[in-house]
């Protein structure tokens, strides 16, 4: 099992034919600009697009945790049903109201499980900055 894509963006739109469009793809920084930049907390939307090569494994659930400077700010867990012959799955995840209370490091920690057995874990980070 392998995570082939772990993309952080501002939104994911599901298109006709099962395609996904990723909007506002982010690198490793999230910068706040303009008036009110020092008004905290900021409630933002962040989307994560994952593509996982599950191979012969059949994970039964996933979870993804958002952690800002060591404190959990959001957790999404869901069950998975993967058709038998499917080898690669896409998982679009949207954190609709993610509370950002300060600058620092925002980590996204992803796990896939079979029942309670951990099959794979992967993480990505964003540095939260304020730019005058």
Foldseek 3Di string as FASTA:
>chain_A
DDWPAKWKAQDWDQDPPRDIDGHGTDDQADEDEDPPLVPDWDWGKMKIKIKDQQAQDDFFKKKKFKAFPRHTQDMDIDTDDDDRVDGMDMDMDMDRTGIHGDWAKIKIKMFTHRPNHTDDIDMGIHGYYYDD
